[in-house]
C-alpha cells in the first residue's frame, strides 16, 4: 500500500496529533508533497514527513453511552484497553454486565491503591 492510500484511509477519522484533536477531512498529492486538510489546520509534507505524520497519529476511541458520546484519548495502558473492551462488550452482550461490574470493582481497588501510594510518597 502506498503512502497516498494510507493517507486516504485516514479521511473522516479523528486522531490525537501532538496533543491536539484533529479530524482528517481531505488528502491530496500536489507535485512532490502531500496535503492533509483537517478541521484545525492544513499540513503540507514530503513523503518521509507523511510517514512520520501517520506514525504520530493516535486514533481516538468513541463510545456511545445512552445518548452521550464520550471521546477518550487513548494511552498505551493495558488496563485502560481492558476497560474499553469491557464497555464495548457490555453494549453488545447484556449477560456480560456481571463480569464488567467485577472489572469495575477491581479497577476501583487498583486506583485506590495507587492513590494511597501517592499520598505516602508525598508525605516523605
PDB file of N, CA and C in Angstrom:
ATOM      1  N   UNK A   1       0.853  -1.178   0.000  1.00  0.00           N
ATOM      2  CA  UNK A   1       0.000   0.000   0.000  1.00  0.00           C
ATOM      3  C   UNK A   1       0.898   1.240   0.000  1.00  0.00           C
ATOM      4  N   UNK A   2       0.636   2.152  -0.917  1.00  0.00           N
ATOM      5  CA  UNK A   2       1.478   3.348  -0.997  1.00  0.00           C
ATOM      6  C   UNK A   2       1.015   4.411  -0.005  1.00  0.00           C
ATOM      7  N   UNK A   3       1.799   5.442   0.131  1.00  0.00           N
ATOM      8  CA  UNK A   3       1.542   6.478   1.145  1.00  0.00           C
ATOM      9  C   UNK A   3       0.233   7.222   0.869  1.00  0.00           C
ATOM     10  N   UNK A   4      -0.097   7.432  -0.404  1.00  0.00           N
ATOM     11  CA  UNK A   4      -1.350   8.110  -0.750  1.00  0.00           C
ATOM     12  C   UNK A   4      -2.538   7.307  -0.243  1.00  0.00           C
ATOM     13  N   UNK A   5      -2.518   5.992  -0.457  1.00  0.00           N
ATOM     14  CA  UNK A   5      -3.599   5.127   0.018  1.00  0.00           C
ATOM     15  C   UNK A   5      -3.708   5.159   1.539  1.00  0.00           C
ATOM     16  N   UNK A   6      -2.552   5.118   2.204  1.00  0.00           N
ATOM     17  CA  UNK A   6      -2.553   5.160   3.669  1.00  0.00           C
ATOM     18  C   UNK A   6      -3.170   6.461   4.173  1.00  0.00           C
ATOM     19  N   UNK A   7      -2.805   7.571   3.551  1.00  0.00           N
ATOM     20  CA  UNK A   7      -3.359   8.868   3.969  1.00  0.00           C
ATOM     21  C   UNK A   7      -4.855   8.935   3.683  1.00  0.00           C
ATOM     22  N   UNK A   8      -5.282   8.408   2.544  1.00  0.00           N
ATOM     23  CA  UNK A   8      -6.711   8.448   2.199  1.00  0.00           C
ATOM     24  C   UNK A   8      -7.549   7.623   3.168  1.00  0.00           C
ATOM     25  N   UNK A   9      -6.975   6.583   3.753  1.00  0.00           N
ATOM     26  CA  UNK A   9      -7.694   5.774   4.745  1.00  0.00           C
ATOM     27  C   UNK A   9      -7.970   6.562   6.027  1.00  0.00           C
ATOM     28  N   UNK A  10      -7.256   7.643   6.233  1.00  0.00           N
ATOM     29  CA  UNK A  10      -7.425   8.452   7.440  1.00  0.00           C
ATOM     30  C   UNK A  10      -8.626   9.386   7.349  1.00  0.00           C
ATOM     31  N   UNK A  11      -9.105   9.643   6.139  1.00  0.00           N
ATOM     32  CA  UNK A  11     -10.183  10.626   5.924  1.00  0.00           C
ATOM     33  C   UNK A  11     -11.431  10.238   6.721  1.00  0.00           C
ATOM     34  N   UNK A  12     -11.969  11.238   7.411  1.00  0.00           N
ATOM     35  CA  UNK A  12     -13.192  11.045   8.188  1.00  0.00           C
ATOM     36  C   UNK A  12     -12.964  10.602   9.621  1.00  0.00           C
ATOM     37  N   UNK A  13     -11.736  10.246   9.954  1.00  0.00           N
ATOM     38  CA  UNK A  13     -11.427   9.782  11.306  1.00  0.00           C
ATOM     39  C   UNK A  13     -10.844  10.911  12.150  1.00  0.00           C
ATOM     40  N   UNK A  14     -11.010  10.780  13.460  1.00  0.00           N
ATOM     41  CA  UNK A  14     -10.489  11.750  14.408  1.00  0.00           C
ATOM     42  C   UNK A  14      -9.290  11.148  15.117  1.00  0.00           C
ATOM     43  N   UNK A  15      -8.240  11.953  15.242  1.00  0.00           N
ATOM     44  CA  UNK A  15      -6.988  11.487  15.831  1.00  0.00           C
ATOM     45  C   UNK A  15      -6.462  12.515  16.833  1.00  0.00           C
ATOM     46  N   UNK A  16      -5.554  12.050  17.661  1.00  0.00           N
ATOM     47  CA  UNK A  16      -4.779  12.936  18.511  1.00  0.00           C
ATOM     48  C   UNK A  16      -3.426  13.079  17.836  1.00  0.00           C
ATOM     49  N   UNK A  17      -3.042  14.322  17.540  1.00  0.00           N
ATOM     50  CA  UNK A  17      -1.758  14.594  16.908  1.00  0.00           C
ATOM     51  C   UNK A  17      -1.086  15.719  17.672  1.00  0.00           C
ATOM     52  N   UNK A  18       0.056  15.397  18.293  1.00  0.00           N
ATOM     53  CA  UNK A  18       0.800  16.368  19.091  1.00  0.00           C
ATOM     54  C   UNK A  18      -0.125  17.101  20.073  1.00  0.00           C
ATOM     55  N   UNK A  19      -0.861  16.320  20.852  1.00  0.00           N
ATOM     56  CA  UNK A  19      -1.771  16.806  21.901  1.00  0.00           C
ATOM     57  C   UNK A  19      -2.911  17.670  21.386  1.00  0.00           C
ATOM     58  N   UNK A  20      -3.255  17.537  20.110  1.00  0.00           N
ATOM     59  CA  UNK A  20      -4.390  18.268  19.559  1.00  0.00           C
ATOM     60  C   UNK A  20      -5.290  17.281  18.825  1.00  0.00           C
ATOM     61  N   UNK A  21      -6.578  17.377  19.083  1.00  0.00           N
ATOM     62  CA  UNK A  21      -7.535  16.517  18.413  1.00  0.00           C
ATOM     63  C   UNK A  21      -7.814  17.082  17.021  1.00  0.00           C
ATOM     64  N   UNK A  22      -7.628  16.242  15.991  1.00  0.00           N
ATOM     65  CA  UNK A  22      -7.871  16.683  14.617  1.00  0.00           C
ATOM     66  C   UNK A  22      -8.730  15.652  13.897  1.00  0.00           C
ATOM     67  N   UNK A  23      -9.537  16.126  12.967  1.00  0.00           N
ATOM     68  CA  UNK A  23     -10.324  15.239  12.113  1.00  0.00           C
ATOM     69  C   UNK A  23      -9.837  15.443  10.686  1.00  0.00           C
ATOM     70  N   UNK A  24      -9.387  14.367  10.060  1.00  0.00           N
ATOM     71  CA  UNK A  24      -8.870  14.427   8.696  1.00  0.00           C
ATOM     72  C   UNK A  24     -10.051  14.581   7.741  1.00  0.00           C
ATOM     73  N   UNK A  25     -10.027  15.645   6.938  1.00  0.00           N
ATOM     74  CA  UNK A  25     -11.133  15.916   6.029  1.00  0.00           C
ATOM     75  C   UNK A  25     -10.810  15.602   4.574  1.00  0.00           C
ATOM     76  N   UNK A  26      -9.572  15.849   4.163  1.00  0.00           N
ATOM     77  CA  UNK A  26      -9.214  15.661   2.767  1.00  0.00           C
ATOM     78  C   UNK A  26      -7.714  15.447   2.654  1.00  0.00           C
ATOM     79  N   UNK A  27      -7.316  14.647   1.673  1.00  0.00           N
ATOM     80  CA  UNK A  27      -5.903  14.385   1.413  1.00  0.00           C
ATOM     81  C   UNK A  27      -5.685  14.492  -0.091  1.00  0.00           C
ATOM     82  N   UNK A  28      -4.600  15.162  -0.477  1.00  0.00           N
ATOM     83  CA  UNK A  28      -4.272  15.203  -1.905  1.00  0.00           C
ATOM     84  C   UNK A  28      -2.769  15.311  -2.083  1.00  0.00           C
ATOM     85  N   UNK A  29      -2.329  14.903  -3.269  1.00  0.00           N
ATOM     86  CA  UNK A  29      -0.907  14.981  -3.600  1.00  0.00           C
ATOM     87  C   UNK A  29      -0.734  16.124  -4.594  1.00  0.00           C
ATOM     88  N   UNK A  30       0.173  17.031  -4.266  1.00  0.00           N
ATOM     89  CA  UNK A  30       0.478  18.167  -5.128  1.00  0.00           C
ATOM     90  C   UNK A  30       1.971  18.126  -5.409  1.00  0.00           C
ATOM     91  N   UNK A  31       2.313  17.833  -6.651  1.00  0.00           N
ATOM     92  CA  UNK A  31       3.713  17.662  -7.061  1.00  0.00           C
ATOM     93  C   UNK A  31       4.377  16.611  -6.179  1.00  0.00           C
ATOM     94  N   UNK A  32       5.422  16.984  -5.474  1.00  0.00           N
ATOM     95  CA  UNK A  32       6.149  16.025  -4.632  1.00  0.00           C
ATOM     96  C   UNK A  32       5.711  16.079  -3.176  1.00  0.00           C
ATOM     97  N   UNK A  33       4.651  16.832  -2.887  1.00  0.00           N
ATOM     98  CA  UNK A  33       4.209  16.957  -1.496  1.00  0.00           C
ATOM     99  C   UNK A  33       2.785  16.421  -1.323  1.00  0.00           C
ATOM    100  N   UNK A  34       2.490  16.107  -0.073  1.00  0.00           N
ATOM    101  CA  UNK A  34       1.157  15.668   0.298  1.00  0.00           C
ATOM    102  C   UNK A  34       0.507  16.774   1.111  1.00  0.00           C
ATOM    103  N   UNK A  35      -0.778  16.987   0.878  1.00  0.00           N
ATOM    104  CA  UNK A  35      -1.533  17.990   1.612  1.00  0.00           C
ATOM    105  C   UNK A  35      -2.620  17.252   2.387  1.00  0.00           C
ATOM    106  N   UNK A  36      -2.614  17.439   3.693  1.00  0.00           N
ATOM    107  CA  UNK A  36      -3.619  16.829   4.567  1.00  0.00           C
ATOM    108  C   UNK A  36      -4.412  17.965   5.195  1.00  0.00           C
ATOM    109  N   UNK A  37      -5.699  18.015   4.866  1.00  0.00           N
ATOM    110  CA  UNK A  37      -6.573  19.075   5.369  1.00  0.00           C
ATOM    111  C   UNK A  37      -7.380  18.507   6.530  1.00  0.00           C
ATOM    112  N   UNK A  38      -7.311  19.185   7.680  1.00  0.00           N
ATOM    113  CA  UNK A  38      -8.056  18.759   8.865  1.00  0.00           C
ATOM    114  C   UNK A  38      -9.016  19.869   9.273  1.00  0.00           C
ATOM    115  N   UNK A  39      -9.800  19.594  10.294  1.00  0.00           N
ATOM    116  CA  UNK A  39     -10.720  20.605  10.806  1.00  0.00           C
ATOM    117  C   UNK A  39      -9.993  21.717  11.549  1.00  0.00           C
ATOM    118  N   UNK A  40      -8.721  21.517  11.891  1.00  0.00           N
ATOM    119  CA  UNK A  40      -7.964  22.517  12.643  1.00  0.00           C
ATOM    120  C   UNK A  40      -6.949  23.267  11.781  1.00  0.00           C
ATOM    121  N   UNK A  41      -6.271  22.533  10.893  1.00  0.00           N
ATOM    122  CA  UNK A  41      -5.226  23.161  10.082  1.00  0.00           C
ATOM    123  C   UNK A  41      -4.910  22.288   8.875  1.00  0.00           C
ATOM    124  N   UNK A  42      -4.069  22.814   8.003  1.00  0.00           N
ATOM    125  CA  UNK A  42      -3.634  22.087   6.816  1.00  0.00           C
ATOM    126  C   UNK A  42      -2.149  21.759   6.960  1.00  0.00           C
ATOM    127  N   UNK A  43      -1.809  20.509   6.661  1.00  0.00           N
ATOM    128  CA  UNK A  43      -0.428  20.057   6.729  1.00  0.00           C
ATOM    129  C   UNK A  43       0.096  19.866   5.312  1.00  0.00           C
ATOM    130  N   UNK A  44       1.293  20.377   5.041  1.00  0.00           N
ATOM    131  CA  UNK A  44       1.995  20.146   3.777  1.00  0.00           C
ATOM    132  C   UNK A  44       3.270  19.401   4.110  1.00  0.00           C
ATOM    133  N   UNK A  45       3.511  18.261   3.425  1.00  0.00           N
ATOM    134  CA  UNK A  45       4.662  17.455   3.800  1.00  0.00           C
ATOM    135  C   UNK A  45       5.173  16.622   2.640  1.00  0.00           C
ATOM    136  N   UNK A  46       6.466  16.296   2.716  1.00  0.00           N
ATOM    137  CA  UNK A  46       7.071  15.358   1.779  1.00  0.00           C
ATOM    138  C   UNK A  46       6.737  13.941   2.232  1.00  0.00           C
ATOM    139  N   UNK A  47       7.021  12.960   1.381  1.00  0.00           N
ATOM    140  CA  UNK A  47       6.656  11.584   1.681  1.00  0.00           C
ATOM    141  C   UNK A  47       7.235  11.104   3.008  1.00  0.00           C
ATOM    142  N   UNK A  48       8.503  11.385   3.274  1.00  0.00           N
ATOM    143  CA  UNK A  48       9.107  10.936   4.538  1.00  0.00           C
ATOM    144  C   UNK A  48       8.416  11.586   5.733  1.00  0.00           C
ATOM    145  N   UNK A  49       8.007  12.843   5.579  1.00  0.00           N
ATOM    146  CA  UNK A  49       7.281  13.532   6.648  1.00  0.00           C
ATOM    147  C   UNK A  49       5.881  12.955   6.810  1.00  0.00           C
ATOM    148  N   UNK A  50       5.273  12.540   5.703  1.00  0.00           N
ATOM    149  CA  UNK A  50       3.931  11.945   5.759  1.00  0.00           C
ATOM    150  C   UNK A  50       3.955  10.630   6.523  1.00  0.00           C
ATOM    151  N   UNK A  51       5.011   9.845   6.310  1.00  0.00           N
ATOM    152  CA  UNK A  51       5.150   8.583   7.048  1.00  0.00           C
ATOM    153  C   UNK A  51       5.279   8.865   8.542  1.00  0.00           C
ATOM    154  N   UNK A  52       6.077   9.852   8.898  1.00  0.00           N
ATOM    155  CA  UNK A  52       6.231  10.231  10.303  1.00  0.00           C
ATOM    156  C   UNK A  52       4.907  10.766  10.867  1.00  0.00           C
ATOM    157  N   UNK A  53       4.196  11.550  10.068  1.00  0.00           N
ATOM    158  CA  UNK A  53       2.893  12.092  10.468  1.00  0.00           C
ATOM    159  C   UNK A  53       1.935  10.954  10.840  1.00  0.00           C
ATOM    160  N   UNK A  54       1.875   9.943   9.992  1.00  0.00           N
ATOM    161  CA  UNK A  54       0.971   8.809  10.240  1.00  0.00           C
ATOM    162  C   UNK A  54       1.346   8.085  11.526  1.00  0.00           C
ATOM    163  N   UNK A  55       2.633   7.903  11.767  1.00  0.00           N
ATOM    164  CA  UNK A  55       3.044   7.184  12.980  1.00  0.00           C
ATOM    165  C   UNK A  55       2.749   7.974  14.251  1.00  0.00           C
ATOM    166  N   UNK A  56       2.654   9.299  14.155  1.00  0.00           N
ATOM    167  CA  UNK A  56       2.368  10.124  15.329  1.00  0.00           C
ATOM    168  C   UNK A  56       0.870  10.213  15.644  1.00  0.00           C
ATOM    169  N   UNK A  57       0.025   9.797  14.700  1.00  0.00           N
ATOM    170  CA  UNK A  57      -1.422   9.871  14.920  1.00  0.00           C
ATOM    171  C   UNK A  57      -1.865   8.785  15.887  1.00  0.00           C
ATOM    172  N   UNK A  58      -2.720   9.164  16.799  1.00  0.00           N
ATOM    173  CA  UNK A  58      -3.338   8.205  17.711  1.00  0.00           C
ATOM    174  C   UNK A  58      -4.845   8.338  17.547  1.00  0.00           C
ATOM    175  N   UNK A  59      -5.481   7.234  17.131  1.00  0.00           N
ATOM    176  CA  UNK A  59      -6.918   7.286  16.887  1.00  0.00           C
ATOM    177  C   UNK A  59      -7.662   7.379  18.207  1.00  0.00           C
ATOM    178  N   UNK A  60      -8.666   8.225  18.211  1.00  0.00           N
ATOM    179  CA  UNK A  60      -9.483   8.383  19.404  1.00  0.00           C
ATOM    180  C   UNK A  60     -10.591   7.353  19.384  1.00  0.00           C
ATOM    181  N   UNK A  61     -10.837   6.753  20.552  1.00  0.00           N
ATOM    182  CA  UNK A  61     -11.925   5.792  20.690  1.00  0.00           C
ATOM    183  C   UNK A  61     -13.167   6.536  21.130  1.00  0.00           C
ATOM    184  N   UNK A  62     -14.260   6.305  20.441  1.00  0.00           N
ATOM    185  CA  UNK A  62     -15.515   6.950  20.815  1.00  0.00           C
ATOM    186  C   UNK A  62     -16.505   5.866  21.214  1.00  0.00           C
ATOM    187  N   UNK A  63     -17.076   6.021  22.375  1.00  0.00           N
ATOM    188  CA  UNK A  63     -18.072   5.085  22.872  1.00  0.00           C
ATOM    189  C   UNK A  63     -19.376   5.828  23.063  1.00  0.00           C
ATOM    190  N   UNK A  64     -20.472   5.233  22.603  1.00  0.00           N
ATOM    191  CA  UNK A  64     -21.780   5.842  22.794  1.00  0.00           C
ATOM    192  C   UNK A  64     -22.375   5.261  24.067  1.00  0.00           C
ATOM    193  N   UNK A  65     -22.718   6.128  25.012  1.00  0.00           N
ATOM    194  CA  UNK A  65     -23.318   5.726  26.265  1.00  0.00           C
ATOM    195  C   UNK A  65     -24.657   6.438  26.353  1.00  0.00           C
ATOM    196  N   UNK A  66     -25.732   5.688  26.151  1.00  0.00           N
ATOM    197  CA  UNK A  66     -27.069   6.250  26.046  1.00  0.00           C
ATOM    198  C   UNK A  66     -27.076   7.247  24.889  1.00  0.00           C
ATOM    199  N   UNK A  67     -27.345   8.513  25.174  1.00  0.00           N
ATOM    200  CA  UNK A  67     -27.375   9.481  24.080  1.00  0.00           C
ATOM    201  C   UNK A  67     -26.130  10.356  24.065  1.00  0.00           C
ATOM    202  N   UNK A  68     -25.145  10.042  24.887  1.00  0.00           N
ATOM    203  CA  UNK A  68     -23.952  10.873  25.020  1.00  0.00           C
ATOM    204  C   UNK A  68     -22.766  10.217  24.339  1.00  0.00           C
ATOM    205  N   UNK A  69     -22.006  10.982  23.594  1.00  0.00           N
ATOM    206  CA  UNK A  69     -20.765  10.478  23.021  1.00  0.00           C
ATOM    207  C   UNK A  69     -19.642  10.802  23.999  1.00  0.00           C
ATOM    208  N   UNK A  70     -18.832   9.805  24.308  1.00  0.00           N
ATOM    209  CA  UNK A  70     -17.688  10.004  25.188  1.00  0.00           C
ATOM    210  C   UNK A  70     -16.445   9.745  24.357  1.00  0.00           C
ATOM    211  N   UNK A  71     -15.598  10.744  24.221  1.00  0.00           N
ATOM    212  CA  UNK A  71     -14.362  10.568  23.470  1.00  0.00           C
ATOM    213  C   UNK A  71     -13.221  10.510  24.466  1.00  0.00           C
ATOM    214  N   UNK A  72     -12.450   9.464  24.368  1.00  0.00           N
ATOM    215  CA  UNK A  72     -11.356   9.243  25.301  1.00  0.00           C
ATOM    216  C   UNK A  72     -10.044   9.208  24.540  1.00  0.00           C
ATOM    217  N   UNK A  73      -9.060   9.916  25.044  1.00  0.00           N
ATOM    218  CA  UNK A  73      -7.740   9.904  24.431  1.00  0.00           C
ATOM    219  C   UNK A  73      -7.063   8.589  24.799  1.00  0.00           C
ATOM    220  N   UNK A  74      -6.642   7.833  23.793  1.00  0.00           N
ATOM    221  CA  UNK A  74      -6.049   6.534  24.094  1.00  0.00           C
ATOM    222  C   UNK A  74      -4.664   6.658  24.707  1.00  0.00           C
ATOM    223  N   UNK A  75      -4.308   5.691  25.536  1.00  0.00           N
ATOM    224  CA  UNK A  75      -2.979   5.600  26.120  1.00  0.00           C
ATOM    225  C   UNK A  75      -2.516   4.173  25.929  1.00  0.00           C
ATOM    226  N   UNK A  76      -1.225   3.979  25.933  1.00  0.00           N
ATOM    227  CA  UNK A  76      -0.696   2.633  25.815  1.00  0.00           C
ATOM    228  C   UNK A  76      -0.765   1.974  27.196  1.00  0.00           C
ATOM    229  N   UNK A  77      -1.948   1.833  27.692  1.00  0.00           N
ATOM    230  CA  UNK A  77      -2.170   1.319  29.028  1.00  0.00           C
ATOM    231  C   UNK A  77      -3.067   0.098  28.904  1.00  0.00           C
ATOM    232  N   UNK A  78      -2.539  -1.049  29.257  1.00  0.00           N
ATOM    233  CA  UNK A  78      -3.288  -2.296  29.095  1.00  0.00           C
ATOM    234  C   UNK A  78      -4.583  -2.291  29.900  1.00  0.00           C
ATOM    235  N   UNK A  79      -4.548  -1.757  31.104  1.00  0.00           N
ATOM    236  CA  UNK A  79      -5.753  -1.729  31.935  1.00  0.00           C
ATOM    237  C   UNK A  79      -6.849  -0.900  31.273  1.00  0.00           C
ATOM    238  N   UNK A  80      -6.469   0.235  30.732  1.00  0.00           N
ATOM    239  CA  UNK A  80      -7.452   1.096  30.071  1.00  0.00           C
ATOM    240  C   UNK A  80      -8.067   0.370  28.870  1.00  0.00           C
ATOM    241  N   UNK A  81      -7.256  -0.348  28.117  1.00  0.00           N
ATOM    242  CA  UNK A  81      -7.777  -1.076  26.958  1.00  0.00           C
ATOM    243  C   UNK A  81      -8.745  -2.165  27.393  1.00  0.00           C
ATOM    244  N   UNK A  82      -8.439  -2.838  28.502  1.00  0.00           N
ATOM    245  CA  UNK A  82      -9.346  -3.863  29.036  1.00  0.00           C
ATOM    246  C   UNK A  82     -10.695  -3.231  29.374  1.00  0.00           C
ATOM    247  N   UNK A  83     -10.664  -2.057  29.982  1.00  0.00           N
ATOM    248  CA  UNK A  83     -11.910  -1.371  30.344  1.00  0.00           C
ATOM    249  C   UNK A  83     -12.689  -0.981  29.096  1.00  0.00           C
ATOM    250  N   UNK A  84     -11.992  -0.429  28.092  1.00  0.00           N
ATOM    251  CA  UNK A  84     -12.677  -0.064  26.842  1.00  0.00           C
ATOM    252  C   UNK A  84     -13.298  -1.286  26.179  1.00  0.00           C
ATOM    253  N   UNK A  85     -12.576  -2.400  26.186  1.00  0.00           N
ATOM    254  CA  UNK A  85     -13.118  -3.629  25.607  1.00  0.00           C
ATOM    255  C   UNK A  85     -14.360  -4.091  26.373  1.00  0.00           C
ATOM    256  N   UNK A  86     -14.314  -3.960  27.698  1.00  0.00           N
ATOM    257  CA  UNK A  86     -15.468  -4.349  28.516  1.00  0.00           C
ATOM    258  C   UNK A  86     -16.674  -3.460  28.210  1.00  0.00           C
ATOM    259  N   UNK A  87     -16.452  -2.168  28.045  1.00  0.00           N
ATOM    260  CA  UNK A  87     -17.547  -1.250  27.704  1.00  0.00           C
ATOM    261  C   UNK A  87     -18.180  -1.654  26.382  1.00  0.00           C
ATOM    262  N   UNK A  88     -17.353  -1.923  25.398  1.00  0.00           N
ATOM    263  CA  UNK A  88     -17.870  -2.327  24.086  1.00  0.00           C
ATOM    264  C   UNK A  88     -18.639  -3.642  24.187  1.00  0.00           C
ATOM    265  N   UNK A  89     -18.128  -4.571  24.977  1.00  0.00           N
ATOM    266  CA  UNK A  89     -18.801  -5.864  25.098  1.00  0.00           C
ATOM    267  C   UNK A  89     -20.132  -5.744  25.832  1.00  0.00           C
ATOM    268  N   UNK A  90     -20.195  -4.906  26.863  1.00  0.00           N
ATOM    269  CA  UNK A  90     -21.455  -4.706  27.600  1.00  0.00           C
ATOM    270  C   UNK A  90     -22.543  -4.168  26.666  1.00  0.00           C
ATOM    271  N   UNK A  91     -22.133  -3.288  25.757  1.00  0.00           N
ATOM    272  CA  UNK A  91     -23.109  -2.733  24.819  1.00  0.00           C
ATOM    273  C   UNK A  91     -23.728  -3.810  23.942  1.00  0.00           C
ATOM    274  N   UNK A  92     -22.960  -4.857  23.631  1.00  0.00           N
ATOM    275  CA  UNK A  92     -23.440  -5.905  22.727  1.00  0.00           C
ATOM    276  C   UNK A  92     -23.926  -7.157  23.428  1.00  0.00           C
ATOM    277  N   UNK A  93     -23.555  -7.348  24.688  1.00  0.00           N
ATOM    278  CA  UNK A  93     -23.862  -8.591  25.395  1.00  0.00           C
ATOM    279  C   UNK A  93     -24.282  -8.278  26.824  1.00  0.00           C
ATOM    280  N   UNK A  94     -25.576  -8.189  27.044  1.00  0.00           N
ATOM    281  CA  UNK A  94     -26.097  -7.817  28.373  1.00  0.00           C
ATOM    282  C   UNK A  94     -25.718  -8.834  29.445  1.00  0.00           C
ATOM    283  N   UNK A  95     -25.437 -10.080  29.067  1.00  0.00           N
ATOM    284  CA  UNK A  95     -25.036 -11.091  30.040  1.00  0.00           C
ATOM    285  C   UNK A  95     -23.631 -10.845  30.582  1.00  0.00           C
ATOM    286  N   UNK A  96     -22.880  -9.979  29.952  1.00  0.00           N
ATOM    287  CA  UNK A  96     -21.509  -9.683  30.364  1.00  0.00           C
ATOM    288  C   UNK A  96     -21.464  -8.628  31.482  1.00  0.00           C
ATOM    289  N   UNK A  97     -22.598  -8.047  31.823  1.00  0.00           N
ATOM    290  CA  UNK A  97     -22.643  -6.958  32.805  1.00  0.00           C
ATOM    291  C   UNK A  97     -22.061  -7.379  34.154  1.00  0.00           C
ATOM    292  N   UNK A  98     -22.362  -8.577  34.624  1.00  0.00           N
ATOM    293  CA  UNK A  98     -21.836  -9.023  35.915  1.00  0.00           C
ATOM    294  C   UNK A  98     -20.308  -9.066  35.894  1.00  0.00           C
ATOM    295  N   UNK A  99     -19.736  -9.575  34.819  1.00  0.00           N
ATOM    296  CA  UNK A  99     -18.275  -9.620  34.701  1.00  0.00           C
ATOM    297  C   UNK A  99     -17.706  -8.202  34.597  1.00  0.00           C
ATOM    298  N   UNK A 100     -18.404  -7.331  33.881  1.00  0.00           N
ATOM    299  CA  UNK A 100     -17.957  -5.941  33.756  1.00  0.00           C
ATOM    300  C   UNK A 100     -17.982  -5.244  35.113  1.00  0.00           C
ATOM    301  N   UNK A 101     -18.978  -5.550  35.925  1.00  0.00           N
ATOM    302  CA  UNK A 101     -19.034  -4.990  37.277  1.00  0.00           C
ATOM    303  C   UNK A 101     -17.832  -5.445  38.099  1.00  0.00           C
ATOM    304  N   UNK A 102     -17.446  -6.693  37.949  1.00  0.00           N
ATOM    305  CA  UNK A 102     -16.265  -7.199  38.667  1.00  0.00           C
ATOM    306  C   UNK A 102     -15.011  -6.463  38.196  1.00  0.00           C
ATOM    307  N   UNK A 103     -14.889  -6.247  36.894  1.00  0.00           N
ATOM    308  CA  UNK A 103     -13.745  -5.494  36.361  1.00  0.00           C
ATOM    309  C   UNK A 103     -13.734  -4.090  36.940  1.00  0.00           C
ATOM    310  N   UNK A 104     -14.903  -3.474  36.983  1.00  0.00           N
ATOM    311  CA  UNK A 104     -15.015  -2.112  37.526  1.00  0.00           C
ATOM    312  C   UNK A 104     -14.591  -2.069  38.989  1.00  0.00           C
ATOM    313  N   UNK A 105     -15.049  -3.022  39.786  1.00  0.00           N
ATOM    314  CA  UNK A 105     -14.687  -3.068  41.207  1.00  0.00           C
ATOM    315  C   UNK A 105     -13.182  -3.262  41.402  1.00  0.00           C
ATOM    316  N   UNK A 106     -12.594  -4.149  40.609  1.00  0.00           N
ATOM    317  CA  UNK A 106     -11.149  -4.383  40.715  1.00  0.00           C
ATOM    318  C   UNK A 106     -10.364  -3.148  40.286  1.00  0.00           C
ATOM    319  N   UNK A 107     -10.834  -2.486  39.249  1.00  0.00           N
ATOM    320  CA  UNK A 107     -10.176  -1.266  38.780  1.00  0.00           C
ATOM    321  C   UNK A 107     -10.227  -0.183  39.846  1.00  0.00           C
ATOM    322  N   UNK A 108     -11.368  -0.053  40.490  1.00  0.00           N
ATOM    323  CA  UNK A 108     -11.502   0.917  41.569  1.00  0.00           C
ATOM    324  C   UNK A 108     -10.508   0.620  42.686  1.00  0.00           C
ATOM    325  N   UNK A 109     -10.340  -0.644  43.012  1.00  0.00           N
ATOM    326  CA  UNK A 109      -9.377  -1.025  44.047  1.00  0.00           C
ATOM    327  C   UNK A 109      -7.951  -0.671  43.632  1.00  0.00           C
ATOM    328  N   UNK A 110      -7.617  -0.912  42.359  1.00  0.00           N
ATOM    329  CA  UNK A 110      -6.280  -0.545  41.876  1.00  0.00           C
ATOM    330  C   UNK A 110      -6.054   0.960  41.967  1.00  0.00           C
ATOM    331  N   UNK A 111      -7.063   1.720  41.607  1.00  0.00           N
ATOM    332  CA  UNK A 111      -6.960   3.185  41.686  1.00  0.00           C
ATOM    333  C   UNK A 111      -6.762   3.617  43.131  1.00  0.00           C
ATOM    334  N   UNK A 112      -7.510   3.039  44.040  1.00  0.00           N
ATOM    335  CA  UNK A 112      -7.373   3.389  45.451  1.00  0.00           C
ATOM    336  C   UNK A 112      -5.980   3.059  45.984  1.00  0.00           C
ATOM    337  N   UNK A 113      -5.427   1.932  45.558  1.00  0.00           N
ATOM    338  CA  UNK A 113      -4.073   1.562  45.982  1.00  0.00           C
ATOM    339  C   UNK A 113      -3.062   2.584  45.460  1.00  0.00           C
ATOM    340  N   UNK A 114      -3.203   2.968  44.190  1.00  0.00           N
ATOM    341  CA  UNK A 114      -2.274   3.947  43.598  1.00  0.00           C
ATOM    342  C   UNK A 114      -2.401   5.307  44.296  1.00  0.00           C
ATOM    343  N   UNK A 115      -3.620   5.706  44.641  1.00  0.00           N
ATOM    344  CA  UNK A 115      -3.815   6.968  45.366  1.00  0.00           C
ATOM    345  C   UNK A 115      -3.109   6.924  46.712  1.00  0.00           C
ATOM    346  N   UNK A 116      -3.254   5.812  47.409  1.00  0.00           N
ATOM    347  CA  UNK A 116      -2.614   5.645  48.710  1.00  0.00           C
ATOM    348  C   UNK A 116      -1.088   5.696  48.578  1.00  0.00           C
ATOM    349  N   UNK A 117      -0.551   5.034  47.533  1.00  0.00           N
ATOM    350  CA  UNK A 117       0.889   5.069  47.303  1.00  0.00           C
ATOM    351  C   UNK A 117       1.362   6.503  47.064  1.00  0.00           C
ATOM    352  N   UNK A 118       0.610   7.261  46.280  1.00  0.00           N
ATOM    353  CA  UNK A 118       0.976   8.662  46.010  1.00  0.00           C
ATOM    354  C   UNK A 118       0.922   9.509  47.282  1.00  0.00           C
ATOM    355  N   UNK A 119      -0.102   9.283  48.107  1.00  0.00           N
ATOM    356  CA  UNK A 119      -0.206  10.017  49.365  1.00  0.00           C
ATOM    357  C   UNK A 119       0.987   9.720  50.259  1.00  0.00           C
ATOM    358  N   UNK A 120       1.396   8.467  50.295  1.00  0.00           N
ATOM    359  CA  UNK A 120       2.524   8.083  51.140  1.00  0.00           C
ATOM    360  C   UNK A 120       3.817   8.696  50.601  1.00  0.00           C
ATOM    361  N   UNK A 121       3.980   8.757  49.289  1.00  0.00           N
ATOM    362  CA  UNK A 121       5.173   9.373  48.711  1.00  0.00           C
ATOM    363  C   UNK A 121       5.222  10.866  48.988  1.00  0.00           C
ATOM    364  N   UNK A 122       4.070  11.529  48.958  1.00  0.00           N
ATOM    365  CA  UNK A 122       4.009  12.963  49.198  1.00  0.00           C
ATOM    366  C   UNK A 122       4.296  13.331  50.642  1.00  0.00           C
ATOM    367  N   UNK A 123       4.082  12.412  51.563  1.00  0.00           N
ATOM    368  CA  UNK A 123       4.336  12.694  52.988  1.00  0.00           C
ATOM    369  C   UNK A 123       5.804  12.524  53.344  1.00  0.00           C
ATOM    370  N   UNK A 124       6.578  11.912  52.472  1.00  0.00           N
ATOM    371  CA  UNK A 124       8.004  11.698  52.791  1.00  0.00           C
ATOM    372  C   UNK A 124       8.806  12.935  52.614  1.00  0.00           C
TER     373      UNK A 124
END
